[in-house]
Amino acid sequence: MGDRPRPRMAPKLLDPETLAPFVDALPIPPLARSSGGRYRLAMRDIEQKVHRDVPPTRFWAFGQSVPGPTIEARSGEAVTVEWANELPARHFLPIDHNLMGAEADKPEVRAIVHLHGGRVPPASDGYPENWYAPGRSQSADYPNRQEAALLWYHDHAMGITRLNNYAGLFGLYVVRDAAEDALGLPRGEFEIPLAIFDRFLEPDGQLYYPASQWAKAPWVPEFFGNSILVNGKLLPYLEVEARLYRFRLLNASNARFFRLSLANGQSFWQIGTDQGLLAAPVELKRLAIAPGERADLLIDFGPAQGAQVVLRNEVYDVMQFRVGKTVQSERGGVPATLAAIERPPEASAARAREMTLEEYDDVLAEPMTHLLNGKRWRDPVTENPVVNTTEIWSLINLTDDAHPIHLHLVRFQILDRRPFDVTEYLLSKKIRYVGEAFPPEPNEAGWKDTVKATPGAVTRIIVKFEHYTGRYVWHCHILEHEDNEMMRPYDVLPGTPQSAKPESAG
C-alpha cells in the first residue's frame, strides 16, 4: 500500500443480510415527458425508500427518483433536454479539493450531464469543465443519429463525478429504430430496465461514502459497497409470467464489476451490448459487466413456471423473479439472427496509437494517481484523430486492475487482447508479448463504447471518428480513477487523414 490513503474507520453500516429479502416490488423508472421533442429534467434533493424496513434515504436525483426518468427516443429524431441544477449549495459527500477541477475556489455543488453512448455535438456532450452551479441550467441537443441501443445519462462534473453519481444523478436513455422493432422482441411490460449499483448505507438509511485517513485528502482509490440496489431498491422482487422477457441492464456502480447469474443454473441470452444489437444471440450462464457497460438480455421463465428464481452477483442475492403458473400473453421466441455487424478491416485504419494505463502510488503528497498515456488532464492534447477516419488504439495496461475505458462520441469494436511482459515494458518501453492474441468474448463482439482493458494485456480497439469535430474526452469509468487524472481530452480535427503509423505511449 505504501503511502496510498487508507479509508477511515467506517461508522456502523447497515448489513443487508439482516434485512428480510424480496419484500419490495422492483420499481420501474418513470418515462420522461416531453413537449414537442423538448424535455426538462431537474436535479433535486429527494428522499427515497430503498427497503421496507429502512428509513428513507437522502439522494440527489433527476426528477423524483433514482434512477431518474427514462428518456425514449427514435433513431433520427432529435430531442433537446434542459438539464436544470436545482440542488442545494452544499455537498453532503466528502469533496477532495486536491483533485483536478475540484479546487476549493470552485462551488461545492456543480453539475454537467453526459449522454453516455450518444453521438452528439461537442457543445452537448457534457465536457467536464463546462459545469454549472445550482440555480442554472443547460440545454443539450441529441440528434439520435444512431442505431437502437440502451444509453444512459449521468453527471460528469470535473473532480466530483464519483460523488454526484453516488448521490444518484443518473438515468436511462433508450434509442429505438425500425430494424429492432421488426424483430418482435418483448416490449411494454415484458421489457424491463435494470440499473444495478452498489452503496454503503448507515442504519438510519443514509448513504455513506468512505474517506481516507487524511482529512484534507479524502479521496479513496475505489468504492465497493455491501448493498446492491436494483432500480433504487435493495433486494427487490419482480412478478413475471412464464414467458420470454427482455432486460435492459446497466452497471451504474462507481467501481464494482458484476458477475451475474441465475441461482437455478438456467441459461439466458445476451442480444445486445453498449451500442446496440449483436449479430446473433449469445447463450450465457454468467454475465460479467463493468461500470458503464450495458447488456441487453433475454430470459425465458417458461422452464421455471411457478418457481422463484434469484439473480445473484457471485454468491450474493441481487433480486428475485416470481414466476407465475400461467401465461397470459404470447410468449414469443429468441430470434436466430439480430443485426448485420460490419467488421472494420484493420487495413482501413489511418493511424495506430499505443496508450498506456498507469498507476503511481509513491508520492507522499499524492498517494495514488491514475494516468492515461502518462499524461495529466491539463497536459497538451496528444490524441487528435481526423474526422471520418478510422484508428486502432492499443490500450497497454500496466496496472493490476481491469479498467473499463470509455470513449465519448464514438462506437468501436474490440479487435483482441494479448498478454505481455509488464516488467520488461517498464524497463525498456517495448512490448514483448508472452502469449497469443485472443478475440473478444462472443457477447463483446458487437459495437461498444466501453471496453474492459484487462491487466497485463494489450487491448486493441478499432474506432471510426465520425459525425462531428471538436473536443471530447476518454477515460476510465471507475469513477474514482476518472476523478483523479485517469481522463484525457481528445480533439477530432477536420482535414486529411495521416497514413497509418504507431504513436508511442510516451
Protein backbone atom coordinates (compact mmCIF):
# COMPACT_ATOMS: atom_id res chain seq x y z
CA MET A 1 0.00 0.00 0.00
CA GLY A 2 2.88 2.45 0.61
CA ASP A 3 1.58 5.96 1.14
CA ARG A 4 -1.77 5.38 -0.52
CA PRO A 5 -4.67 6.73 1.55
CA ARG A 6 -6.44 4.24 3.73
CA PRO A 7 -10.17 4.54 4.44
CA ARG A 8 -11.05 5.98 7.79
CA MET A 9 -12.79 3.72 10.25
CA ALA A 10 -16.33 3.45 8.90
CA PRO A 11 -19.34 4.09 11.08
CA LYS A 12 -21.63 1.18 11.83
CA LEU A 13 -23.07 0.20 8.47
CA LEU A 14 -26.31 -1.47 7.56
CA ASP A 15 -25.82 -5.18 6.88
CA PRO A 16 -28.23 -6.12 4.05
CA GLU A 17 -28.14 -9.76 5.17
CA THR A 18 -30.05 -8.73 8.32
CA LEU A 19 -32.99 -7.48 6.22
CA ALA A 20 -35.92 -9.54 5.02
CA PRO A 21 -35.20 -10.23 1.33
CA PHE A 22 -37.65 -9.78 -1.52
CA VAL A 23 -40.30 -7.78 0.30
CA ASP A 24 -40.32 -4.75 -2.05
CA ALA A 25 -41.53 -4.81 -5.63
CA LEU A 26 -38.99 -3.74 -8.23
CA PRO A 27 -39.75 -0.12 -9.19
CA ILE A 28 -39.69 0.83 -12.87
CA PRO A 29 -38.30 4.33 -13.54
CA PRO A 30 -40.98 6.62 -14.99
CA LEU A 31 -40.85 7.71 -18.61
CA ALA A 32 -39.74 11.29 -19.10
CA ARG A 33 -42.40 13.53 -20.63
CA SER A 34 -41.62 15.85 -23.50
CA SER A 35 -43.30 18.73 -25.26
CA GLY A 36 -42.58 18.71 -28.97
CA GLY A 37 -39.30 16.85 -28.51
CA ARG A 38 -38.17 19.05 -25.63
CA TYR A 39 -37.58 17.74 -22.13
CA ARG A 40 -36.80 19.43 -18.85
CA LEU A 41 -35.19 17.32 -16.13
CA ALA A 42 -34.23 18.92 -12.84
CA MET A 43 -31.60 17.67 -10.38
CA ARG A 44 -33.11 17.73 -6.91
CA ASP A 45 -32.51 16.69 -3.31
CA ILE A 46 -35.00 13.90 -2.54
CA GLU A 47 -35.75 11.08 -0.13
CA GLN A 48 -36.43 7.56 -1.37
CA LYS A 49 -37.14 4.27 0.37
CA VAL A 50 -34.63 1.57 -0.56
CA HIS A 51 -36.25 -1.15 1.56
CA ARG A 52 -39.46 -1.65 3.53
CA ASP A 53 -37.58 -1.81 6.84
CA VAL A 54 -35.07 1.01 6.25
CA PRO A 55 -35.83 4.72 6.84
CA PRO A 56 -35.91 6.93 3.72
CA THR A 57 -32.52 7.65 2.15
CA ARG A 58 -31.35 11.06 1.00
CA PHE A 59 -30.42 11.05 -2.69
CA TRP A 60 -29.78 13.59 -5.40
CA ALA A 61 -31.95 12.70 -8.35
CA PHE A 62 -33.18 13.73 -11.74
CA GLY A 63 -36.84 14.35 -11.03
CA GLN A 64 -38.14 12.39 -8.07
CA SER A 65 -36.45 9.00 -8.37
CA VAL A 66 -33.12 7.18 -8.59
CA PRO A 67 -32.61 6.24 -11.35
CA GLY A 68 -34.15 9.29 -12.97
CA PRO A 69 -36.86 9.21 -15.64
CA THR A 70 -36.12 7.14 -18.74
CA ILE A 71 -35.94 9.10 -22.00
CA GLU A 72 -37.18 7.17 -25.04
CA ALA A 73 -36.14 8.42 -28.47
CA ARG A 74 -36.41 7.27 -32.08
CA SER A 75 -33.36 6.95 -34.27
CA GLY A 76 -33.03 10.05 -36.46
CA GLU A 77 -35.49 12.13 -34.42
CA ALA A 78 -33.66 14.84 -32.48
CA VAL A 79 -34.58 15.86 -28.95
CA THR A 80 -33.46 18.69 -26.67
CA VAL A 81 -33.10 18.29 -22.92
CA GLU A 82 -32.82 21.17 -20.46
CA TRP A 83 -30.80 19.88 -17.53
CA ALA A 84 -31.63 22.13 -14.56
CA ASN A 85 -29.48 22.24 -11.44
CA GLU A 86 -31.88 22.67 -8.51
CA LEU A 87 -29.58 21.09 -5.94
CA PRO A 88 -28.55 22.62 -2.58
CA ALA A 89 -25.42 24.78 -2.39
CA ARG A 90 -23.53 22.37 -0.09
CA HIS A 91 -22.46 18.81 -0.91
CA PHE A 92 -23.27 16.03 1.55
CA LEU A 93 -20.38 13.79 0.44
CA PRO A 94 -16.62 14.36 1.07
CA ILE A 95 -15.03 16.58 -1.61
CA ASP A 96 -11.27 16.31 -2.12
CA HIS A 97 -10.05 19.77 -3.13
CA ASN A 98 -6.69 18.34 -4.24
CA LEU A 99 -8.25 16.72 -7.29
CA MET A 100 -8.19 18.27 -10.74
CA GLY A 101 -11.05 20.71 -11.16
CA ALA A 102 -12.28 20.33 -7.58
CA GLU A 103 -10.20 23.10 -6.03
CA ALA A 104 -11.56 24.99 -3.03
CA ASP A 105 -12.31 28.07 -5.13
CA LYS A 106 -14.98 26.11 -7.09
CA PRO A 107 -18.61 25.85 -5.95
CA GLU A 108 -19.10 22.70 -3.86
CA VAL A 109 -22.09 21.65 -5.95
CA ARG A 110 -21.64 21.62 -9.71
CA ALA A 111 -23.12 19.51 -12.49
CA ILE A 112 -22.86 18.84 -16.21
CA VAL A 113 -24.73 15.97 -17.88
CA HIS A 114 -23.14 13.50 -20.30
CA LEU A 115 -25.23 11.21 -22.50
CA HIS A 116 -23.08 8.08 -22.29
CA GLY A 117 -23.01 6.41 -25.69
CA GLY A 118 -24.59 9.35 -27.50
CA ARG A 119 -23.18 10.61 -30.80
CA VAL A 120 -23.67 14.29 -30.07
CA PRO A 121 -22.02 17.62 -30.98
CA PRO A 122 -19.29 18.72 -28.56
CA ALA A 123 -21.36 21.53 -27.05
CA SER A 124 -23.91 18.93 -25.85
CA ASP A 125 -21.51 16.18 -24.77
CA GLY A 126 -21.11 17.23 -21.14
CA TYR A 127 -17.47 18.32 -21.17
CA PRO A 128 -16.33 18.02 -17.53
CA GLU A 129 -15.15 21.63 -17.19
CA ASN A 130 -18.45 23.05 -18.52
CA TRP A 131 -20.21 22.57 -15.19
CA TYR A 132 -22.77 24.96 -13.76
CA ALA A 133 -23.87 25.73 -10.21
CA PRO A 134 -27.30 25.45 -8.55
CA GLY A 135 -29.87 27.87 -9.93
CA ARG A 136 -28.65 27.44 -13.50
CA SER A 137 -29.44 25.06 -16.35
CA GLN A 138 -28.05 23.98 -19.70
CA SER A 139 -29.81 22.66 -22.80
CA ALA A 140 -28.31 19.80 -24.82
CA ASP A 141 -29.22 18.71 -28.34
CA TYR A 142 -29.29 14.98 -29.03
CA PRO A 143 -29.64 14.18 -32.77
CA ASN A 144 -30.10 10.41 -32.14
CA ARG A 145 -28.41 9.58 -35.43
CA GLN A 146 -27.57 6.07 -34.29
CA GLU A 147 -28.99 2.58 -34.16
CA ALA A 148 -31.27 1.29 -31.42
CA ALA A 149 -29.37 0.94 -28.13
CA LEU A 150 -29.55 1.47 -24.39
CA LEU A 151 -27.64 4.62 -23.46
CA TRP A 152 -27.60 6.39 -20.11
CA TYR A 153 -27.18 9.90 -18.81
CA HIS A 154 -25.19 10.89 -15.75
CA ASP A 155 -23.33 13.75 -14.15
CA HIS A 156 -19.79 14.42 -15.41
CA ALA A 157 -18.61 17.41 -13.32
CA MET A 158 -14.84 17.66 -13.04
CA GLY A 159 -13.41 16.22 -9.82
CA ILE A 160 -16.74 15.22 -8.25
CA THR A 161 -18.22 12.82 -10.82
CA ARG A 162 -17.86 9.91 -8.39
CA LEU A 163 -19.76 11.82 -5.68
CA ASN A 164 -22.58 13.11 -7.86
CA ASN A 165 -23.21 9.71 -9.41
CA TYR A 166 -23.02 8.06 -5.99
CA ALA A 167 -25.62 10.56 -4.80
CA GLY A 168 -27.95 9.32 -7.56
CA LEU A 169 -27.55 11.58 -10.60
CA PHE A 170 -28.12 9.12 -13.46
CA GLY A 171 -30.87 7.64 -15.60
CA LEU A 172 -31.57 5.59 -18.73
CA TYR A 173 -31.93 6.73 -22.35
CA VAL A 174 -33.36 4.29 -24.90
CA VAL A 175 -32.98 4.73 -28.67
CA ARG A 176 -35.34 2.64 -30.82
CA ASP A 177 -35.45 2.03 -34.57
CA ALA A 178 -37.45 0.16 -37.20
CA ALA A 179 -34.91 -2.66 -37.61
CA GLU A 180 -35.17 -3.55 -33.93
CA ASP A 181 -38.96 -3.20 -33.98
CA ALA A 182 -39.17 -5.77 -36.78
CA LEU A 183 -37.55 -8.46 -34.62
CA GLY A 184 -40.60 -8.78 -32.38
CA LEU A 185 -38.60 -8.64 -29.16
CA PRO A 186 -40.50 -8.39 -25.87
CA ARG A 187 -41.93 -4.90 -25.37
CA GLY A 188 -44.01 -2.95 -22.90
CA GLU A 189 -44.44 -4.75 -19.58
CA PHE A 190 -42.16 -7.53 -20.82
CA GLU A 191 -39.17 -5.21 -21.37
CA ILE A 192 -37.66 -4.32 -18.01
CA PRO A 193 -34.86 -1.83 -17.25
CA LEU A 194 -32.39 -2.94 -14.56
CA ALA A 195 -29.96 -0.31 -13.29
CA ILE A 196 -27.73 -2.09 -10.76
CA PHE A 197 -25.38 -0.25 -8.38
CA ASP A 198 -23.74 -0.75 -5.00
CA ARG A 199 -23.75 1.52 -1.96
CA PHE A 200 -22.97 1.68 1.76
CA LEU A 201 -25.95 2.56 3.93
CA GLU A 202 -25.93 3.59 7.56
CA PRO A 203 -28.53 2.02 9.90
CA ASP A 204 -30.72 5.12 9.53
CA GLY A 205 -30.76 4.57 5.75
CA GLN A 206 -28.36 7.36 4.80
CA LEU A 207 -25.67 6.97 2.17
CA TYR A 208 -22.14 6.56 3.45
CA TYR A 209 -19.20 7.24 1.13
CA PRO A 210 -15.81 6.39 2.65
CA ALA A 211 -12.97 8.89 3.08
CA SER A 212 -9.25 8.35 3.51
CA GLN A 213 -7.43 8.77 6.82
CA TRP A 214 -6.25 12.20 5.65
CA ALA A 215 -8.86 14.83 6.44
CA LYS A 216 -7.54 17.21 3.78
CA ALA A 217 -7.31 14.48 1.12
CA PRO A 218 -10.41 12.28 1.49
CA TRP A 219 -10.27 10.65 -2.00
CA VAL A 220 -10.12 6.84 -1.99
CA PRO A 221 -8.92 4.72 -4.95
CA GLU A 222 -12.13 2.71 -5.47
CA PHE A 223 -15.52 2.20 -3.87
CA PHE A 224 -17.14 -1.18 -3.24
CA GLY A 225 -20.34 -1.25 -1.19
CA ASN A 226 -22.09 -4.10 0.59
CA SER A 227 -25.63 -3.16 -0.53
CA ILE A 228 -26.63 -3.83 -4.14
CA LEU A 229 -29.60 -1.83 -5.35
CA VAL A 230 -31.69 -2.50 -8.44
CA ASN A 231 -33.61 0.49 -9.76
CA GLY A 232 -33.09 2.03 -6.33
CA LYS A 233 -34.35 -0.92 -4.25
CA LEU A 234 -32.43 -3.33 -2.06
CA LEU A 235 -33.28 -7.00 -2.72
CA PRO A 236 -36.48 -6.37 -4.70
CA TYR A 237 -38.74 -8.90 -6.40
CA LEU A 238 -40.43 -8.86 -9.81
CA GLU A 239 -43.51 -10.86 -10.69
CA VAL A 240 -43.16 -12.34 -14.18
CA GLU A 241 -45.14 -14.65 -16.42
CA ALA A 242 -43.71 -17.97 -17.55
CA ARG A 243 -42.56 -16.49 -20.86
CA LEU A 244 -39.72 -14.60 -22.54
CA TYR A 245 -38.65 -11.24 -21.07
CA ARG A 246 -36.18 -8.62 -22.21
CA PHE A 247 -33.97 -6.93 -19.61
CA ARG A 248 -32.04 -3.74 -20.38
CA LEU A 249 -29.21 -3.85 -17.85
CA LEU A 250 -26.83 -1.08 -16.79
CA ASN A 251 -23.94 -1.31 -14.35
CA ALA A 252 -24.22 2.11 -12.68
CA SER A 253 -21.67 1.40 -9.93
CA ASN A 254 -18.66 3.59 -9.27
CA ALA A 255 -16.15 0.74 -9.45
CA ARG A 256 -17.77 -2.67 -8.94
CA PHE A 257 -17.72 -5.27 -11.72
CA PHE A 258 -20.78 -7.51 -11.50
CA ARG A 259 -20.78 -11.23 -12.34
CA LEU A 260 -24.43 -12.12 -12.62
CA SER A 261 -26.13 -15.49 -12.88
CA LEU A 262 -29.46 -17.16 -12.12
CA ALA A 263 -29.34 -19.25 -8.96
CA ASN A 264 -31.28 -22.13 -10.55
CA GLY A 265 -28.48 -22.55 -13.08
CA GLN A 266 -30.54 -21.81 -16.17
CA SER A 267 -29.10 -20.07 -19.20
CA PHE A 268 -30.11 -16.73 -20.68
CA TRP A 269 -29.21 -14.91 -23.88
CA GLN A 270 -27.38 -11.68 -24.47
CA ILE A 271 -28.70 -9.97 -27.60
CA GLY A 272 -27.01 -6.59 -27.37
CA THR A 273 -24.25 -4.58 -25.80
CA ASP A 274 -23.41 -0.89 -25.29
CA GLN A 275 -24.15 0.35 -28.80
CA GLY A 276 -26.92 -1.97 -29.90
CA LEU A 277 -27.75 -5.46 -31.04
CA LEU A 278 -25.29 -8.28 -31.58
CA ALA A 279 -25.25 -10.26 -34.82
CA ALA A 280 -26.90 -13.22 -33.06
CA PRO A 281 -27.91 -14.16 -29.51
CA VAL A 282 -25.16 -15.47 -27.23
CA GLU A 283 -26.20 -18.06 -24.65
CA LEU A 284 -24.70 -17.42 -21.21
CA LYS A 285 -24.70 -18.86 -17.73
CA ARG A 286 -22.96 -15.81 -16.28
CA LEU A 287 -22.61 -12.20 -17.35
CA ALA A 288 -19.56 -10.11 -16.43
CA ILE A 289 -20.30 -6.40 -16.73
CA ALA A 290 -18.08 -3.45 -15.83
CA PRO A 291 -19.10 0.03 -14.65
CA GLY A 292 -20.64 1.98 -17.53
CA GLU A 293 -21.33 -1.10 -19.67
CA ARG A 294 -24.80 -2.18 -20.72
CA ALA A 295 -26.18 -5.61 -21.63
CA ASP A 296 -29.41 -6.46 -23.47
CA LEU A 297 -30.69 -9.80 -22.17
CA LEU A 298 -33.47 -12.29 -22.87
CA ILE A 299 -34.61 -14.65 -20.11
CA ASP A 300 -37.20 -17.36 -20.72
CA PHE A 301 -39.06 -18.07 -17.48
CA GLY A 302 -41.11 -20.84 -19.10
CA PRO A 303 -38.96 -23.65 -17.63
CA ALA A 304 -39.29 -22.09 -14.15
CA GLN A 305 -43.09 -21.93 -14.19
CA GLY A 306 -44.40 -21.43 -10.65
CA ALA A 307 -40.91 -21.10 -9.16
CA GLN A 308 -38.90 -18.30 -7.56
CA VAL A 309 -35.66 -17.54 -9.41
CA VAL A 310 -32.94 -15.42 -7.81
CA LEU A 311 -30.50 -13.23 -9.70
CA ARG A 312 -27.12 -13.38 -7.97
CA ASN A 313 -23.85 -11.50 -8.07
CA GLU A 314 -21.33 -14.25 -7.39
CA VAL A 315 -22.66 -15.59 -4.05
CA TYR A 316 -24.86 -12.64 -3.07
CA ASP A 317 -28.54 -12.27 -3.89
CA VAL A 318 -29.49 -9.26 -6.01
CA MET A 319 -33.22 -9.71 -6.74
CA GLN A 320 -35.93 -12.35 -7.13
CA PHE A 321 -38.18 -13.25 -10.05
CA ARG A 322 -41.55 -14.73 -9.00
CA VAL A 323 -42.67 -16.81 -11.96
CA GLY A 324 -46.39 -17.29 -12.41
CA LYS A 325 -48.03 -20.63 -13.10
CA THR A 326 -49.87 -19.43 -16.17
CA VAL A 327 -49.01 -17.45 -19.29
CA GLN A 328 -51.45 -14.66 -20.05
CA SER A 329 -49.80 -13.49 -23.26
CA GLU A 330 -47.92 -14.66 -26.35
CA ARG A 331 -44.52 -15.99 -25.33
CA GLY A 332 -42.50 -15.35 -28.49
CA GLY A 333 -39.07 -16.83 -29.05
CA VAL A 334 -35.39 -15.95 -29.25
CA PRO A 335 -34.54 -14.70 -32.77
CA ALA A 336 -31.84 -16.67 -34.58
CA THR A 337 -30.27 -13.52 -36.03
CA LEU A 338 -30.39 -9.92 -34.87
CA ALA A 339 -28.32 -7.35 -36.79
CA ALA A 340 -25.74 -7.08 -39.52
CA ILE A 341 -22.45 -6.14 -37.83
CA GLU A 342 -19.90 -4.63 -40.18
CA ARG A 343 -16.36 -5.61 -39.20
CA PRO A 344 -13.99 -2.74 -39.99
CA PRO A 345 -10.82 -4.17 -41.56
CA GLU A 346 -7.60 -3.28 -39.78
CA ALA A 347 -6.22 -2.03 -43.10
CA SER A 348 -8.83 0.76 -43.03
CA ALA A 349 -7.09 2.43 -40.07
CA ALA A 350 -5.40 5.73 -40.88
CA ARG A 351 -3.40 5.59 -37.67
CA ALA A 352 -2.43 3.19 -34.91
CA ARG A 353 -1.83 4.56 -31.42
CA GLU A 354 -0.35 2.92 -28.34
CA MET A 355 -1.57 4.29 -25.00
CA THR A 356 -0.65 3.16 -21.51
CA LEU A 357 -2.86 2.78 -18.45
CA GLU A 358 -0.68 3.61 -15.46
CA GLU A 359 -0.84 3.87 -11.69
CA TYR A 360 1.52 5.70 -9.32
CA ASP A 361 1.45 5.46 -5.54
CA ASP A 362 4.88 6.51 -4.33
CA VAL A 363 4.48 10.25 -3.79
CA LEU A 364 3.57 11.40 -0.29
CA ALA A 365 1.55 14.42 -1.43
CA GLU A 366 -0.37 12.38 -3.99
CA PRO A 367 -0.72 8.87 -2.58
CA MET A 368 -2.08 7.42 -5.81
CA THR A 369 -2.56 8.79 -9.30
CA HIS A 370 -4.02 7.03 -12.33
CA LEU A 371 -2.87 8.25 -15.74
CA LEU A 372 -3.64 7.60 -19.38
CA ASN A 373 -0.57 7.58 -21.60
CA GLY A 374 1.50 9.15 -18.81
CA LYS A 375 -0.39 12.43 -19.14
CA ARG A 376 -2.39 14.55 -16.75
CA TRP A 377 -5.68 16.23 -17.62
CA ARG A 378 -4.15 19.63 -18.27
CA ASP A 379 -1.22 18.40 -20.37
CA PRO A 380 -1.44 19.29 -24.08
CA VAL A 381 -3.81 17.14 -26.14
CA THR A 382 -1.99 14.20 -27.75
CA GLU A 383 -4.89 12.33 -29.39
CA ASN A 384 -6.18 14.24 -32.43
CA PRO A 385 -7.89 11.92 -34.93
CA VAL A 386 -9.22 13.33 -38.19
CA VAL A 387 -12.97 13.24 -38.72
CA ASN A 388 -14.29 10.35 -40.83
CA THR A 389 -11.11 8.31 -40.37
CA THR A 390 -10.54 5.05 -38.52
CA GLU A 391 -7.85 4.41 -35.91
CA ILE A 392 -6.63 1.43 -33.91
CA TRP A 393 -5.99 2.18 -30.25
CA SER A 394 -3.83 -0.26 -28.28
CA LEU A 395 -4.54 0.08 -24.55
CA ILE A 396 -1.42 -1.12 -22.70
CA ASN A 397 -2.50 -1.94 -19.16
CA LEU A 398 0.48 -1.67 -16.79
CA THR A 399 -1.67 -1.92 -13.64
CA ASP A 400 -3.08 -4.80 -11.62
CA ASP A 401 -6.67 -3.66 -12.26
CA ALA A 402 -9.09 -4.12 -15.11
CA HIS A 403 -10.08 -0.65 -16.32
CA PRO A 404 -13.34 -0.01 -18.21
CA ILE A 405 -12.23 2.56 -20.80
CA HIS A 406 -14.94 4.79 -22.30
CA LEU A 407 -14.57 6.98 -25.38
CA HIS A 408 -17.08 9.78 -25.81
CA LEU A 409 -18.77 10.40 -29.20
CA VAL A 410 -17.77 7.16 -30.92
CA ARG A 411 -18.56 3.48 -31.11
CA PHE A 412 -15.88 0.88 -31.65
CA GLN A 413 -15.19 -2.83 -31.86
CA ILE A 414 -12.72 -4.89 -29.86
CA LEU A 415 -10.06 -6.49 -32.04
CA ASP A 416 -8.24 -8.62 -29.48
CA ARG A 417 -6.39 -8.82 -26.20
CA ARG A 418 -2.85 -10.13 -25.82
CA PRO A 419 -0.72 -10.69 -22.69
CA PHE A 420 2.68 -9.01 -22.50
CA ASP A 421 5.63 -8.72 -20.12
CA VAL A 422 4.79 -5.70 -17.95
CA THR A 423 8.19 -5.61 -16.20
CA GLU A 424 10.08 -5.55 -19.47
CA TYR A 425 7.88 -2.76 -20.76
CA LEU A 426 8.51 -0.67 -17.65
CA LEU A 427 12.26 -1.09 -18.15
CA SER A 428 12.51 -0.71 -21.93
CA LYS A 429 9.20 0.79 -23.12
CA LYS A 430 8.97 -2.12 -25.55
CA ILE A 431 6.15 -4.63 -25.78
CA ARG A 432 7.16 -8.28 -25.61
CA TYR A 433 4.15 -10.50 -25.95
CA VAL A 434 4.07 -13.65 -23.81
CA GLY A 435 1.04 -15.32 -25.35
CA GLU A 436 -1.21 -15.39 -28.36
CA ALA A 437 -3.82 -12.74 -29.03
CA PHE A 438 -7.34 -13.82 -28.17
CA PRO A 439 -10.51 -12.37 -29.68
CA PRO A 440 -13.26 -10.65 -27.69
CA GLU A 441 -15.81 -12.82 -25.95
CA PRO A 442 -18.81 -13.58 -28.21
CA ASN A 443 -21.03 -11.24 -26.17
CA GLU A 444 -18.48 -8.41 -26.72
CA ALA A 445 -18.33 -8.92 -30.50
CA GLY A 446 -20.58 -6.00 -31.36
CA TRP A 447 -20.43 -2.23 -31.20
CA LYS A 448 -19.12 -0.91 -27.91
CA ASP A 449 -18.35 2.41 -26.23
CA THR A 450 -16.78 0.99 -23.04
CA VAL A 451 -14.19 -1.77 -23.02
CA LYS A 452 -12.64 -3.82 -20.24
CA ALA A 453 -8.86 -3.34 -20.56
CA THR A 454 -7.56 -6.38 -18.72
CA PRO A 455 -4.40 -6.20 -16.57
CA GLY A 456 -1.13 -7.32 -18.10
CA ALA A 457 -2.58 -7.26 -21.60
CA VAL A 458 -2.80 -5.02 -24.64
CA THR A 459 -6.43 -4.48 -25.58
CA ARG A 460 -6.89 -3.30 -29.17
CA ILE A 461 -9.98 -1.47 -30.39
CA ILE A 462 -10.81 -0.14 -33.85
CA VAL A 463 -12.62 3.20 -33.85
CA LYS A 464 -14.14 5.40 -36.53
CA PHE A 465 -14.26 9.09 -35.59
CA GLU A 466 -17.30 10.42 -37.41
CA HIS A 467 -20.14 12.92 -37.36
CA TYR A 468 -18.50 15.83 -35.51
CA THR A 469 -15.28 17.73 -34.99
CA GLY A 470 -14.35 19.28 -31.67
CA ARG A 471 -13.16 18.35 -28.19
CA TYR A 472 -14.27 15.21 -26.39
CA VAL A 473 -12.81 13.02 -23.62
CA TRP A 474 -11.81 9.44 -22.98
CA HIS A 475 -11.40 8.00 -19.51
CA CYS A 476 -11.57 5.09 -17.14
CA HIS A 477 -15.14 4.50 -15.95
CA ILE A 478 -14.06 3.55 -12.46
CA LEU A 479 -15.24 6.94 -11.24
CA GLU A 480 -12.64 7.28 -8.51
CA HIS A 481 -9.93 6.85 -11.15
CA GLU A 482 -11.64 9.26 -13.56
CA ASP A 483 -11.76 11.94 -10.85
CA ASN A 484 -8.02 11.57 -10.17
CA GLU A 485 -6.38 12.15 -13.57
CA MET A 486 -7.41 8.98 -15.45
CA MET A 487 -9.19 11.10 -18.03
CA ARG A 488 -7.86 12.92 -21.08
CA PRO A 489 -9.30 15.31 -23.65
CA TYR A 490 -9.03 14.47 -27.33
CA ASP A 491 -9.73 16.56 -30.43
CA VAL A 492 -11.48 15.39 -33.57
CA LEU A 493 -9.97 17.52 -36.34
CA PRO A 494 -11.07 18.40 -39.84
CA GLY A 495 -8.55 17.70 -42.58
CA THR A 496 -6.75 14.99 -44.47
CA PRO A 497 -6.02 11.69 -42.68
CA GLN A 498 -2.43 10.74 -41.93
CA SER A 499 -1.01 7.44 -43.09
CA ALA A 500 -1.16 4.63 -40.57
CA LYS A 501 1.73 4.57 -38.14
CA PRO A 502 2.08 3.71 -34.45
CA GLU A 503 2.37 6.50 -31.92
CA SER A 504 4.46 5.67 -28.87
CA ALA A 505 2.91 5.65 -25.44
CA GLY A 506 5.34 8.27 -24.15
